[in-house]
Amino acid sequence: ELVFGADIKESDIQVLRSGNDMVFRHINGQDSVTVKDWFGDQLNWIEQITFASGVKWTAEQLMKQGVPLVGSELGDTLRGGNVDDWMQGNGGNDSLYGGNGNDLIEGGAGDDGLFGEEGNDTLRGGA
């Protein structure tokens, strides 16, 4: 179980994917908790994330809602897996590859290459 302190609300936490890791990042941009290999092996899932308000998130809820694989403001190469991926390239000139599954791929700013590959994918370029 992951328990956040009394001064952290659920609205303060962004849930992101970085490679095979799950990242719980505070909106202050300075603090985060990384769970290594979350997407590589279900044995690495944290069963419950709890906030002082009493709100609880389960691993199953997080996986159902989708967790974006997020790039930086630099040029990134992001690769999806065998599941339905959600990717956000953000800034920079990115290359985003969906892999298998029905993916949502959003390039963001920059001159991006978006490649759906297998599945019924949605590709969105940026401005």
C-alpha atoms as a PDB file:
ATOM      1  CA  GLU A   1       0.000   0.000   0.000  1.00  0.00           C
ATOM      2  CA  LEU A   2       1.117   3.546  -0.803  1.00  0.00           C
ATOM      3  CA  VAL A   3      -0.171   6.147   1.683  1.00  0.00           C
ATOM      4  CA  PHE A   4       0.117   9.871   0.974  1.00  0.00           C
ATOM      5  CA  GLY A   5       0.439  12.359   3.852  1.00  0.00           C
ATOM      6  CA  ALA A   6      -2.316  14.614   5.150  1.00  0.00           C
ATOM      7  CA  ASP A   7      -1.181  17.603   3.066  1.00  0.00           C
ATOM      8  CA  ILE A   8      -1.471  15.728  -0.266  1.00  0.00           C
ATOM      9  CA  LYS A   9      -4.863  15.505  -1.969  1.00  0.00           C
ATOM     10  CA  GLU A  10      -5.719  13.164  -4.822  1.00  0.00           C
ATOM     11  CA  SER A  11      -6.008  16.236  -7.087  1.00  0.00           C
ATOM     12  CA  ASP A  12      -2.320  16.964  -6.338  1.00  0.00           C
ATOM     13  CA  ILE A  13      -1.152  13.706  -7.939  1.00  0.00           C
ATOM     14  CA  GLN A  14      -0.618  13.017 -11.635  1.00  0.00           C
ATOM     15  CA  VAL A  15      -0.374   9.358 -12.616  1.00  0.00           C
ATOM     16  CA  LEU A  16       2.047   8.799 -15.497  1.00  0.00           C
ATOM     17  CA  ARG A  17       3.887   6.013 -17.240  1.00  0.00           C
ATOM     18  CA  SER A  18       7.622   6.174 -17.875  1.00  0.00           C
ATOM     19  CA  GLY A  19       8.763   3.104 -19.799  1.00  0.00           C
ATOM     20  CA  ASN A  20       7.557   0.174 -17.684  1.00  0.00           C
ATOM     21  CA  ASP A  21       7.438   2.292 -14.511  1.00  0.00           C
ATOM     22  CA  MET A  22       4.381   3.901 -12.894  1.00  0.00           C
ATOM     23  CA  VAL A  23       5.025   7.429 -11.609  1.00  0.00           C
ATOM     24  CA  PHE A  24       2.873   9.254  -9.068  1.00  0.00           C
ATOM     25  CA  ARG A  25       4.000  12.865  -9.562  1.00  0.00           C
ATOM     26  CA  HIS A  26       2.998  15.810  -7.394  1.00  0.00           C
ATOM     27  CA  ILE A  27       1.775  18.804  -9.376  1.00  0.00           C
ATOM     28  CA  ASN A  28       4.542  20.872  -7.760  1.00  0.00           C
ATOM     29  CA  GLY A  29       6.851  19.158 -10.274  1.00  0.00           C
ATOM     30  CA  GLN A  30       9.435  18.351  -7.606  1.00  0.00           C
ATOM     31  CA  ASP A  31       8.121  15.297  -5.758  1.00  0.00           C
ATOM     32  CA  SER A  32       7.262  11.872  -7.114  1.00  0.00           C
ATOM     33  CA  VAL A  33       7.045   8.194  -6.259  1.00  0.00           C
ATOM     34  CA  THR A  34       8.127   5.682  -8.916  1.00  0.00           C
ATOM     35  CA  VAL A  35       7.037   2.041  -8.876  1.00  0.00           C
ATOM     36  CA  LYS A  36       9.599   0.167 -10.959  1.00  0.00           C
ATOM     37  CA  ASP A  37       8.411  -2.286 -13.622  1.00  0.00           C
ATOM     38  CA  TRP A  38       4.685  -1.766 -12.843  1.00  0.00           C
ATOM     39  CA  PHE A  39       3.828  -2.413 -16.503  1.00  0.00           C
ATOM     40  CA  GLY A  40       6.340  -5.245 -16.829  1.00  0.00           C
ATOM     41  CA  ASP A  41       4.893  -7.560 -14.178  1.00  0.00           C
ATOM     42  CA  GLN A  42       1.600  -7.438 -12.291  1.00  0.00           C
ATOM     43  CA  LEU A  43       3.482  -8.678  -9.209  1.00  0.00           C
ATOM     44  CA  ASN A  44       4.884  -5.135  -8.954  1.00  0.00           C
ATOM     45  CA  TRP A  45       1.476  -3.490  -8.635  1.00  0.00           C
ATOM     46  CA  ILE A  46       0.656  -1.656  -5.432  1.00  0.00           C
ATOM     47  CA  GLU A  47      -2.787  -2.933  -4.492  1.00  0.00           C
ATOM     48  CA  GLN A  48      -4.024   0.328  -2.994  1.00  0.00           C
ATOM     49  CA  ILE A  49      -3.076   4.011  -2.961  1.00  0.00           C
ATOM     50  CA  THR A  50      -4.610   5.873  -0.004  1.00  0.00           C
ATOM     51  CA  PHE A  51      -5.073   9.569   0.724  1.00  0.00           C
ATOM     52  CA  ALA A  52      -5.779  11.180   4.106  1.00  0.00           C
ATOM     53  CA  SER A  53      -9.230  12.201   2.823  1.00  0.00           C
ATOM     54  CA  GLY A  54     -10.155   8.525   2.731  1.00  0.00           C
ATOM     55  CA  VAL A  55     -10.045   8.292  -1.064  1.00  0.00           C
ATOM     56  CA  LYS A  56      -8.509   5.023  -2.225  1.00  0.00           C
ATOM     57  CA  TRP A  57      -7.263   4.097  -5.674  1.00  0.00           C
ATOM     58  CA  THR A  58      -6.753   0.458  -6.620  1.00  0.00           C
ATOM     59  CA  ALA A  59      -4.332  -0.868  -9.219  1.00  0.00           C
ATOM     60  CA  GLU A  60      -7.276  -2.187 -11.216  1.00  0.00           C
ATOM     61  CA  GLN A  61      -8.928   1.257 -11.272  1.00  0.00           C
ATOM     62  CA  LEU A  62      -5.721   2.903 -12.463  1.00  0.00           C
ATOM     63  CA  MET A  63      -5.252   0.368 -15.236  1.00  0.00           C
ATOM     64  CA  LYS A  64      -8.884   0.677 -16.399  1.00  0.00           C
ATOM     65  CA  GLN A  65      -8.763   4.471 -16.633  1.00  0.00           C
ATOM     66  CA  GLY A  66      -5.549   4.349 -18.633  1.00  0.00           C
ATOM     67  CA  VAL A  67      -2.154   5.727 -17.723  1.00  0.00           C
ATOM     68  CA  PRO A  68      -0.422   7.930 -20.283  1.00  0.00           C
ATOM     69  CA  LEU A  69       3.106   7.233 -21.457  1.00  0.00           C
ATOM     70  CA  VAL A  70       4.414  10.804 -21.364  1.00  0.00           C
ATOM     71  CA  GLY A  71       7.406  12.314 -23.109  1.00  0.00           C
ATOM     72  CA  SER A  72       9.424  15.334 -22.061  1.00  0.00           C
ATOM     73  CA  GLU A  73       9.842  18.748 -23.668  1.00  0.00           C
ATOM     74  CA  LEU A  74      12.762  17.260 -25.643  1.00  0.00           C
ATOM     75  CA  GLY A  75      12.664  14.908 -28.626  1.00  0.00           C
ATOM     76  CA  ASP A  76      11.555  11.499 -27.323  1.00  0.00           C
ATOM     77  CA  THR A  77      11.007   8.043 -28.778  1.00  0.00           C
ATOM     78  CA  LEU A  78       8.104   6.297 -27.055  1.00  0.00           C
ATOM     79  CA  ARG A  79       7.084   2.719 -27.801  1.00  0.00           C
ATOM     80  CA  GLY A  80       3.822   1.105 -26.785  1.00  0.00           C
ATOM     81  CA  GLY A  81       3.380  -2.522 -25.905  1.00  0.00           C
ATOM     82  CA  ASN A  82       0.855  -5.278 -26.465  1.00  0.00           C
ATOM     83  CA  VAL A  83      -1.952  -3.386 -24.707  1.00  0.00           C
ATOM     84  CA  ASP A  84      -4.060  -0.310 -25.479  1.00  0.00           C
ATOM     85  CA  ASP A  85      -1.555   2.497 -24.917  1.00  0.00           C
ATOM     86  CA  TRP A  86      -2.115   6.202 -24.361  1.00  0.00           C
ATOM     87  CA  MET A  87       0.900   8.312 -25.365  1.00  0.00           C
ATOM     88  CA  GLN A  88       1.605  12.032 -25.082  1.00  0.00           C
ATOM     89  CA  GLY A  89       4.759  13.292 -26.762  1.00  0.00           C
ATOM     90  CA  ASN A  90       4.669  16.857 -25.385  1.00  0.00           C
ATOM     91  CA  GLY A  91       7.370  19.219 -26.712  1.00  0.00           C
ATOM     92  CA  GLY A  92      10.249  18.368 -29.001  1.00  0.00           C
ATOM     93  CA  ASN A  93      10.392  16.344 -32.200  1.00  0.00           C
ATOM     94  CA  ASP A  94       9.067  12.982 -31.037  1.00  0.00           C
ATOM     95  CA  SER A  95       8.656   9.534 -32.575  1.00  0.00           C
ATOM     96  CA  LEU A  96       5.701   7.669 -31.068  1.00  0.00           C
ATOM     97  CA  TYR A  97       5.055   4.003 -31.914  1.00  0.00           C
ATOM     98  CA  GLY A  98       1.833   2.391 -30.728  1.00  0.00           C
ATOM     99  CA  GLY A  99       2.739  -1.277 -31.039  1.00  0.00           C
ATOM    100  CA  ASN A 100      -0.176  -3.699 -30.660  1.00  0.00           C
ATOM    101  CA  GLY A 101      -3.521  -2.726 -29.205  1.00  0.00           C
ATOM    102  CA  ASN A 102      -5.916   0.126 -29.874  1.00  0.00           C
ATOM    103  CA  ASP A 103      -3.785   3.132 -29.025  1.00  0.00           C
ATOM    104  CA  LEU A 104      -4.348   6.857 -28.502  1.00  0.00           C
ATOM    105  CA  ILE A 105      -1.234   8.722 -29.665  1.00  0.00           C
ATOM    106  CA  GLU A 106      -0.969  12.496 -29.149  1.00  0.00           C
ATOM    107  CA  GLY A 107       2.098  14.237 -30.534  1.00  0.00           C
ATOM    108  CA  GLY A 108       1.915  17.639 -28.863  1.00  0.00           C
ATOM    109  CA  ALA A 109       4.189  20.511 -29.909  1.00  0.00           C
ATOM    110  CA  GLY A 110       7.046  19.844 -32.316  1.00  0.00           C
ATOM    111  CA  ASP A 111       7.574  17.976 -35.588  1.00  0.00           C
ATOM    112  CA  ASP A 112       6.444  14.508 -34.520  1.00  0.00           C
ATOM    113  CA  GLY A 113       6.224  11.126 -36.216  1.00  0.00           C
ATOM    114  CA  LEU A 114       3.133   9.192 -35.095  1.00  0.00           C
ATOM    115  CA  PHE A 115       2.984   5.499 -35.981  1.00  0.00           C
ATOM    116  CA  GLY A 116      -0.076   3.529 -34.941  1.00  0.00           C
ATOM    117  CA  GLU A 117       1.206   0.124 -36.059  1.00  0.00           C
ATOM    118  CA  GLU A 118      -1.197  -2.754 -35.168  1.00  0.00           C
ATOM    119  CA  GLY A 119      -4.733  -2.201 -33.880  1.00  0.00           C
ATOM    120  CA  ASN A 120      -7.384   0.474 -34.328  1.00  0.00           C
ATOM    121  CA  ASP A 121      -5.411   3.572 -33.334  1.00  0.00           C
ATOM    122  CA  THR A 122      -6.218   7.261 -32.960  1.00  0.00           C
ATOM    123  CA  LEU A 123      -3.419   9.669 -33.936  1.00  0.00           C
ATOM    124  CA  ARG A 124      -3.534  13.354 -32.967  1.00  0.00           C
ATOM    125  CA  GLY A 125      -0.912  15.837 -34.081  1.00  0.00           C
ATOM    126  CA  GLY A 126      -0.068  18.998 -32.187  1.00  0.00           C
ATOM    127  CA  ALA A 127       0.178  22.658 -33.035  1.00  0.00           C
END
